[in-house]
Amino acid sequence: MEAEAAKMIGAGLAAIGMIGSGIGVGNIWSSLIATVGRNPAAKANVELYGWIGFAVTEAIALFALVVALIVLFS
């Protein structure tokens, strides 16, 4: 196998982590919307945790992207 082909395969495998991040973000927002829909008075308490969960989940996607780019351009 050529080195360029191996780099492309490695970058593609590293980018799979972004799929999980997209699913996680969807779960976080759907849970937040359902919680606020059931108890609107809890919005102030729950919204902060939703944003923190969103940020942490998106950080995982950024790490996967950086690893894919490092593999691709090294």
PDB file of N, CA and C in Angstrom:
ATOM      1  N   MET A   1       0.853  -1.181   0.000  1.00  0.00           N
ATOM      2  CA  MET A   1       0.000   0.000   0.000  1.00  0.00           C
ATOM      3  C   MET A   1       0.891   1.234   0.000  1.00  0.00           C
ATOM      4  N   GLU A   2       0.516   2.187  -0.790  1.00  0.00           N
ATOM      5  CA  GLU A   2       1.281   3.424  -0.862  1.00  0.00           C
ATOM      6  C   GLU A   2       1.057   4.257   0.395  1.00  0.00           C
ATOM      7  N   ALA A   3       2.015   5.125   0.679  1.00  0.00           N
ATOM      8  CA  ALA A   3       1.930   5.964   1.883  1.00  0.00           C
ATOM      9  C   ALA A   3       0.768   6.954   1.795  1.00  0.00           C
ATOM     10  N   GLU A   4       0.519   7.488   0.609  1.00  0.00           N
ATOM     11  CA  GLU A   4      -0.591   8.441   0.447  1.00  0.00           C
ATOM     12  C   GLU A   4      -1.941   7.766   0.694  1.00  0.00           C
ATOM     13  N   ALA A   5      -2.083   6.545   0.222  1.00  0.00           N
ATOM     14  CA  ALA A   5      -3.337   5.821   0.443  1.00  0.00           C
ATOM     15  C   ALA A   5      -3.537   5.530   1.927  1.00  0.00           C
ATOM     16  N   ALA A   6      -2.457   5.176   2.602  1.00  0.00           N
ATOM     17  CA  ALA A   6      -2.544   4.906   4.042  1.00  0.00           C
ATOM     18  C   ALA A   6      -2.906   6.171   4.815  1.00  0.00           C
ATOM     19  N   LYS A   7      -2.383   7.315   4.381  1.00  0.00           N
ATOM     20  CA  LYS A   7      -2.733   8.585   5.025  1.00  0.00           C
ATOM     21  C   LYS A   7      -4.212   8.902   4.861  1.00  0.00           C
ATOM     22  N   MET A   8      -4.731   8.676   3.665  1.00  0.00           N
ATOM     23  CA  MET A   8      -6.152   8.947   3.416  1.00  0.00           C
ATOM     24  C   MET A   8      -7.044   8.033   4.253  1.00  0.00           C
ATOM     25  N   ILE A   9      -6.681   6.764   4.342  1.00  0.00           N
ATOM     26  CA  ILE A   9      -7.465   5.826   5.147  1.00  0.00           C
ATOM     27  C   ILE A   9      -7.393   6.211   6.616  1.00  0.00           C
ATOM     28  N   GLY A  10      -6.211   6.569   7.098  1.00  0.00           N
ATOM     29  CA  GLY A  10      -6.059   6.977   8.498  1.00  0.00           C
ATOM     30  C   GLY A  10      -6.833   8.235   8.828  1.00  0.00           C
ATOM     31  N   ALA A  11      -6.821   9.202   7.922  1.00  0.00           N
ATOM     32  CA  ALA A  11      -7.572  10.435   8.151  1.00  0.00           C
ATOM     33  C   ALA A  11      -9.071  10.164   8.157  1.00  0.00           C
ATOM     34  N   GLY A  12      -9.523   9.287   7.292  1.00  0.00           N
ATOM     35  CA  GLY A  12     -10.936   8.929   7.272  1.00  0.00           C
ATOM     36  C   GLY A  12     -11.361   8.223   8.544  1.00  0.00           C
ATOM     37  N   LEU A  13     -10.521   7.331   9.048  1.00  0.00           N
ATOM     38  CA  LEU A  13     -10.834   6.643  10.298  1.00  0.00           C
ATOM     39  C   LEU A  13     -10.830   7.604  11.480  1.00  0.00           C
ATOM     40  N   ALA A  14      -9.911   8.563  11.481  1.00  0.00           N
ATOM     41  CA  ALA A  14      -9.876   9.544  12.572  1.00  0.00           C
ATOM     42  C   ALA A  14     -11.095  10.462  12.530  1.00  0.00           C
ATOM     43  N   ALA A  15     -11.625  10.709  11.343  1.00  0.00           N
ATOM     44  CA  ALA A  15     -12.787  11.592  11.213  1.00  0.00           C
ATOM     45  C   ALA A  15     -14.077  10.920  11.660  1.00  0.00           C
ATOM     46  N   ILE A  16     -14.058   9.620  11.894  1.00  0.00           N
ATOM     47  CA  ILE A  16     -15.256   8.928  12.365  1.00  0.00           C
ATOM     48  C   ILE A  16     -15.683   9.470  13.729  1.00  0.00           C
ATOM     49  N   GLY A  17     -14.741   9.987  14.503  1.00  0.00           N
ATOM     50  CA  GLY A  17     -15.080  10.565  15.804  1.00  0.00           C
ATOM     51  C   GLY A  17     -16.056  11.716  15.704  1.00  0.00           C
ATOM     52  N   MET A  18     -16.109  12.374  14.575  1.00  0.00           N
ATOM     53  CA  MET A  18     -17.042  13.484  14.409  1.00  0.00           C
ATOM     54  C   MET A  18     -18.484  13.001  14.267  1.00  0.00           C
ATOM     55  N   ILE A  19     -18.675  11.774  13.847  1.00  0.00           N
ATOM     56  CA  ILE A  19     -20.029  11.219  13.762  1.00  0.00           C
ATOM     57  C   ILE A  19     -20.616  11.087  15.164  1.00  0.00           C
ATOM     58  N   GLY A  20     -19.822  10.540  16.067  1.00  0.00           N
ATOM     59  CA  GLY A  20     -20.281  10.399  17.450  1.00  0.00           C
ATOM     60  C   GLY A  20     -20.561  11.734  18.108  1.00  0.00           C
ATOM     61  N   SER A  21     -19.783  12.719  17.760  1.00  0.00           N
ATOM     62  CA  SER A  21     -20.003  14.053  18.316  1.00  0.00           C
ATOM     63  C   SER A  21     -21.316  14.641  17.821  1.00  0.00           C
ATOM     64  N   GLY A  22     -21.632  14.442  16.569  1.00  0.00           N
ATOM     65  CA  GLY A  22     -22.907  14.926  16.037  1.00  0.00           C
ATOM     66  C   GLY A  22     -24.092  14.260  16.707  1.00  0.00           C
ATOM     67  N   ILE A  23     -23.985  12.969  16.946  1.00  0.00           N
ATOM     68  CA  ILE A  23     -25.052  12.251  17.645  1.00  0.00           C
ATOM     69  C   ILE A  23     -25.171  12.760  19.079  1.00  0.00           C
ATOM     70  N   GLY A  24     -24.030  12.999  19.724  1.00  0.00           N
ATOM     71  CA  GLY A  24     -24.052  13.501  21.100  1.00  0.00           C
ATOM     72  C   GLY A  24     -24.679  14.879  21.216  1.00  0.00           C
ATOM     73  N   VAL A  25     -24.366  15.754  20.290  1.00  0.00           N
ATOM     74  CA  VAL A  25     -24.951  17.104  20.314  1.00  0.00           C
ATOM     75  C   VAL A  25     -26.464  17.026  20.117  1.00  0.00           C
ATOM     76  N   GLY A  26     -26.896  16.160  19.215  1.00  0.00           N
ATOM     77  CA  GLY A  26     -28.332  15.988  19.016  1.00  0.00           C
ATOM     78  C   GLY A  26     -29.028  15.481  20.267  1.00  0.00           C
ATOM     79  N   ASN A  27     -28.399  14.546  20.957  1.00  0.00           N
ATOM     80  CA  ASN A  27     -28.976  14.029  22.200  1.00  0.00           C
ATOM     81  C   ASN A  27     -29.036  15.095  23.289  1.00  0.00           C
ATOM     82  N   ILE A  28     -28.001  15.898  23.382  1.00  0.00           N
ATOM     83  CA  ILE A  28     -27.975  16.954  24.404  1.00  0.00           C
ATOM     84  C   ILE A  28     -29.100  17.949  24.176  1.00  0.00           C
ATOM     85  N   TRP A  29     -29.248  18.440  22.935  1.00  0.00           N
ATOM     86  CA  TRP A  29     -30.276  19.448  22.676  1.00  0.00           C
ATOM     87  C   TRP A  29     -31.679  18.866  22.765  1.00  0.00           C
ATOM     88  N   SER A  30     -31.852  17.618  22.333  1.00  0.00           N
ATOM     89  CA  SER A  30     -33.193  17.039  22.434  1.00  0.00           C
ATOM     90  C   SER A  30     -33.584  16.833  23.889  1.00  0.00           C
ATOM     91  N   SER A  31     -32.630  16.433  24.722  1.00  0.00           N
ATOM     92  CA  SER A  31     -32.926  16.274  26.149  1.00  0.00           C
ATOM     93  C   SER A  31     -33.223  17.627  26.799  1.00  0.00           C
ATOM     94  N   LEU A  32     -32.478  18.643  26.401  1.00  0.00           N
ATOM     95  CA  LEU A  32     -32.705  19.976  26.962  1.00  0.00           C
ATOM     96  C   LEU A  32     -34.089  20.500  26.583  1.00  0.00           C
ATOM     97  N   ILE A  33     -34.478  20.333  25.330  1.00  0.00           N
ATOM     98  CA  ILE A  33     -35.787  20.798  24.875  1.00  0.00           C
ATOM     99  C   ILE A  33     -36.902  20.025  25.568  1.00  0.00           C
ATOM    100  N   ALA A  34     -36.727  18.714  25.723  1.00  0.00           N
ATOM    101  CA  ALA A  34     -37.754  17.916  26.394  1.00  0.00           C
ATOM    102  C   ALA A  34     -37.877  18.305  27.864  1.00  0.00           C
ATOM    103  N   THR A  35     -36.743  18.580  28.509  1.00  0.00           N
ATOM    104  CA  THR A  35     -36.772  18.966  29.922  1.00  0.00           C
ATOM    105  C   THR A  35     -37.462  20.306  30.112  1.00  0.00           C
ATOM    106  N   VAL A  36     -37.128  21.271  29.283  1.00  0.00           N
ATOM    107  CA  VAL A  36     -37.760  22.589  29.399  1.00  0.00           C
ATOM    108  C   VAL A  36     -39.239  22.500  29.011  1.00  0.00           C
ATOM    109  N   GLY A  37     -39.578  21.621  28.095  1.00  0.00           N
ATOM    110  CA  GLY A  37     -40.982  21.444  27.734  1.00  0.00           C
ATOM    111  C   GLY A  37     -41.801  20.866  28.877  1.00  0.00           C
ATOM    112  N   ARG A  38     -41.186  19.978  29.657  1.00  0.00           N
ATOM    113  CA  ARG A  38     -41.902  19.395  30.788  1.00  0.00           C
ATOM    114  C   ARG A  38     -41.981  20.331  31.979  1.00  0.00           C
ATOM    115  N   ASN A  39     -40.889  21.093  32.194  1.00  0.00           N
ATOM    116  CA  ASN A  39     -40.834  21.972  33.367  1.00  0.00           C
ATOM    117  C   ASN A  39     -40.195  23.300  32.953  1.00  0.00           C
ATOM    118  N   PRO A  40     -40.962  24.253  32.449  1.00  0.00           N
ATOM    119  CA  PRO A  40     -40.394  25.521  31.984  1.00  0.00           C
ATOM    120  C   PRO A  40     -39.706  26.319  33.080  1.00  0.00           C
ATOM    121  N   ALA A  41     -40.073  26.099  34.323  1.00  0.00           N
ATOM    122  CA  ALA A  41     -39.451  26.847  35.414  1.00  0.00           C
ATOM    123  C   ALA A  41     -38.002  26.421  35.640  1.00  0.00           C
ATOM    124  N   ALA A  42     -37.625  25.252  35.146  1.00  0.00           N
ATOM    125  CA  ALA A  42     -36.271  24.743  35.353  1.00  0.00           C
ATOM    126  C   ALA A  42     -35.303  25.195  34.261  1.00  0.00           C
ATOM    127  N   LYS A  43     -35.754  26.063  33.353  1.00  0.00           N
ATOM    128  CA  LYS A  43     -34.909  26.452  32.218  1.00  0.00           C
ATOM    129  C   LYS A  43     -33.602  27.087  32.673  1.00  0.00           C
ATOM    130  N   ALA A  44     -33.661  27.958  33.646  1.00  0.00           N
ATOM    131  CA  ALA A  44     -32.443  28.647  34.095  1.00  0.00           C
ATOM    132  C   ALA A  44     -31.437  27.669  34.688  1.00  0.00           C
ATOM    133  N   ASN A  45     -31.918  26.640  35.355  1.00  0.00           N
ATOM    134  CA  ASN A  45     -31.010  25.671  35.975  1.00  0.00           C
ATOM    135  C   ASN A  45     -30.430  24.687  34.966  1.00  0.00           C
ATOM    136  N   VAL A  46     -31.207  24.330  33.970  1.00  0.00           N
ATOM    137  CA  VAL A  46     -30.807  23.271  33.038  1.00  0.00           C
ATOM    138  C   VAL A  46     -30.002  23.814  31.858  1.00  0.00           C
ATOM    139  N   GLU A  47     -30.254  25.042  31.482  1.00  0.00           N
ATOM    140  CA  GLU A  47     -29.630  25.593  30.280  1.00  0.00           C
ATOM    141  C   GLU A  47     -28.109  25.647  30.386  1.00  0.00           C
ATOM    142  N   LEU A  48     -27.581  25.976  31.536  1.00  0.00           N
ATOM    143  CA  LEU A  48     -26.128  26.030  31.728  1.00  0.00           C
ATOM    144  C   LEU A  48     -25.497  24.665  31.478  1.00  0.00           C
ATOM    145  N   TYR A  49     -26.109  23.615  32.018  1.00  0.00           N
ATOM    146  CA  TYR A  49     -25.571  22.275  31.821  1.00  0.00           C
ATOM    147  C   TYR A  49     -25.667  21.843  30.363  1.00  0.00           C
ATOM    148  N   GLY A  50     -26.691  22.303  29.667  1.00  0.00           N
ATOM    149  CA  GLY A  50     -26.797  22.013  28.239  1.00  0.00           C
ATOM    150  C   GLY A  50     -25.665  22.633  27.444  1.00  0.00           C
ATOM    151  N   TRP A  51     -25.333  23.872  27.751  1.00  0.00           N
ATOM    152  CA  TRP A  51     -24.223  24.540  27.041  1.00  0.00           C
ATOM    153  C   TRP A  51     -22.882  23.905  27.379  1.00  0.00           C
ATOM    154  N   ILE A  52     -22.697  23.507  28.627  1.00  0.00           N
ATOM    155  CA  ILE A  52     -21.440  22.843  29.005  1.00  0.00           C
ATOM    156  C   ILE A  52     -21.311  21.508  28.283  1.00  0.00           C
ATOM    157  N   GLY A  53     -22.401  20.744  28.244  1.00  0.00           N
ATOM    158  CA  GLY A  53     -22.376  19.471  27.525  1.00  0.00           C
ATOM    159  C   GLY A  53     -22.125  19.657  26.045  1.00  0.00           C
ATOM    160  N   PHE A  54     -22.721  20.691  25.472  1.00  0.00           N
ATOM    161  CA  PHE A  54     -22.494  20.993  24.059  1.00  0.00           C
ATOM    162  C   PHE A  54     -21.027  21.311  23.796  1.00  0.00           C
ATOM    163  N   ALA A  55     -20.426  22.131  24.657  1.00  0.00           N
ATOM    164  CA  ALA A  55     -19.025  22.525  24.464  1.00  0.00           C
ATOM    165  C   ALA A  55     -18.085  21.335  24.581  1.00  0.00           C
ATOM    166  N   VAL A  56     -18.327  20.480  25.546  1.00  0.00           N
ATOM    167  CA  VAL A  56     -17.463  19.312  25.729  1.00  0.00           C
ATOM    168  C   VAL A  56     -17.601  18.348  24.548  1.00  0.00           C
ATOM    169  N   THR A  57     -18.814  18.167  24.082  1.00  0.00           N
ATOM    170  CA  THR A  57     -19.041  17.264  22.949  1.00  0.00           C
ATOM    171  C   THR A  57     -18.426  17.818  21.673  1.00  0.00           C
ATOM    172  N   GLU A  58     -18.525  19.109  21.464  1.00  0.00           N
ATOM    173  CA  GLU A  58     -17.902  19.712  20.292  1.00  0.00           C
ATOM    174  C   GLU A  58     -16.377  19.674  20.380  1.00  0.00           C
ATOM    175  N   ALA A  59     -15.833  19.727  21.585  1.00  0.00           N
ATOM    176  CA  ALA A  59     -14.374  19.627  21.741  1.00  0.00           C
ATOM    177  C   ALA A  59     -13.888  18.270  21.243  1.00  0.00           C
ATOM    178  N   ILE A  60     -14.667  17.230  21.465  1.00  0.00           N
ATOM    179  CA  ILE A  60     -14.290  15.902  20.973  1.00  0.00           C
ATOM    180  C   ILE A  60     -14.226  15.908  19.449  1.00  0.00           C
ATOM    181  N   ALA A  61     -15.166  16.581  18.805  1.00  0.00           N
ATOM    182  CA  ALA A  61     -15.151  16.669  17.347  1.00  0.00           C
ATOM    183  C   ALA A  61     -13.930  17.443  16.859  1.00  0.00           C
ATOM    184  N   LEU A  62     -13.577  18.495  17.561  1.00  0.00           N
ATOM    185  CA  LEU A  62     -12.389  19.260  17.163  1.00  0.00           C
ATOM    186  C   LEU A  62     -11.114  18.436  17.325  1.00  0.00           C
ATOM    187  N   PHE A  63     -11.042  17.633  18.394  1.00  0.00           N
ATOM    188  CA  PHE A  63      -9.880  16.767  18.578  1.00  0.00           C
ATOM    189  C   PHE A  63      -9.795  15.746  17.447  1.00  0.00           C
ATOM    190  N   ALA A  64     -10.923  15.181  17.054  1.00  0.00           N
ATOM    191  CA  ALA A  64     -10.932  14.218  15.954  1.00  0.00           C
ATOM    192  C   ALA A  64     -10.502  14.885  14.646  1.00  0.00           C
ATOM    193  N   LEU A  65     -10.949  16.108  14.427  1.00  0.00           N
ATOM    194  CA  LEU A  65     -10.558  16.830  13.218  1.00  0.00           C
ATOM    195  C   LEU A  65      -9.061  17.124  13.213  1.00  0.00           C
ATOM    196  N   VAL A  66      -8.524  17.529  14.339  1.00  0.00           N
ATOM    197  CA  VAL A  66      -7.086  17.833  14.419  1.00  0.00           C
ATOM    198  C   VAL A  66      -6.267  16.567  14.181  1.00  0.00           C
ATOM    199  N   VAL A  67      -6.684  15.452  14.758  1.00  0.00           N
ATOM    200  CA  VAL A  67      -5.962  14.195  14.532  1.00  0.00           C
ATOM    201  C   VAL A  67      -6.031  13.804  13.061  1.00  0.00           C
ATOM    202  N   ALA A  68      -7.193  13.960  12.443  1.00  0.00           N
ATOM    203  CA  ALA A  68      -7.319  13.632  11.015  1.00  0.00           C
ATOM    204  C   ALA A  68      -6.410  14.516  10.161  1.00  0.00           C
ATOM    205  N   LEU A  69      -6.336  15.792  10.479  1.00  0.00           N
ATOM    206  CA  LEU A  69      -5.467  16.696   9.714  1.00  0.00           C
ATOM    207  C   LEU A  69      -3.988  16.404   9.947  1.00  0.00           C
ATOM    208  N   ILE A  70      -3.636  16.038  11.178  1.00  0.00           N
ATOM    209  CA  ILE A  70      -2.244  15.679  11.451  1.00  0.00           C
ATOM    210  C   ILE A  70      -1.855  14.435  10.666  1.00  0.00           C
ATOM    211  N   VAL A  71      -2.737  13.434  10.662  1.00  0.00           N
ATOM    212  CA  VAL A  71      -2.451  12.211   9.905  1.00  0.00           C
ATOM    213  C   VAL A  71      -2.367  12.516   8.406  1.00  0.00           C
ATOM    214  N   LEU A  72      -3.240  13.368   7.924  1.00  0.00           N
ATOM    215  CA  LEU A  72      -3.292  13.659   6.504  1.00  0.00           C
ATOM    216  C   LEU A  72      -2.084  14.447   6.014  1.00  0.00           C
ATOM    217  N   PHE A  73      -1.641  15.416   6.796  1.00  0.00           N
ATOM    218  CA  PHE A  73      -0.569  16.299   6.328  1.00  0.00           C
ATOM    219  C   PHE A  73       0.786  16.056   6.976  1.00  0.00           C
ATOM    220  N   SER A  74       0.956  14.935   7.648  1.00  0.00           N
ATOM    221  CA  SER A  74       2.281  14.648   8.228  1.00  0.00           C
ATOM    222  C   SER A  74       3.138  13.855   7.279  1.00  0.00           C
TER     223      SER A  74
END
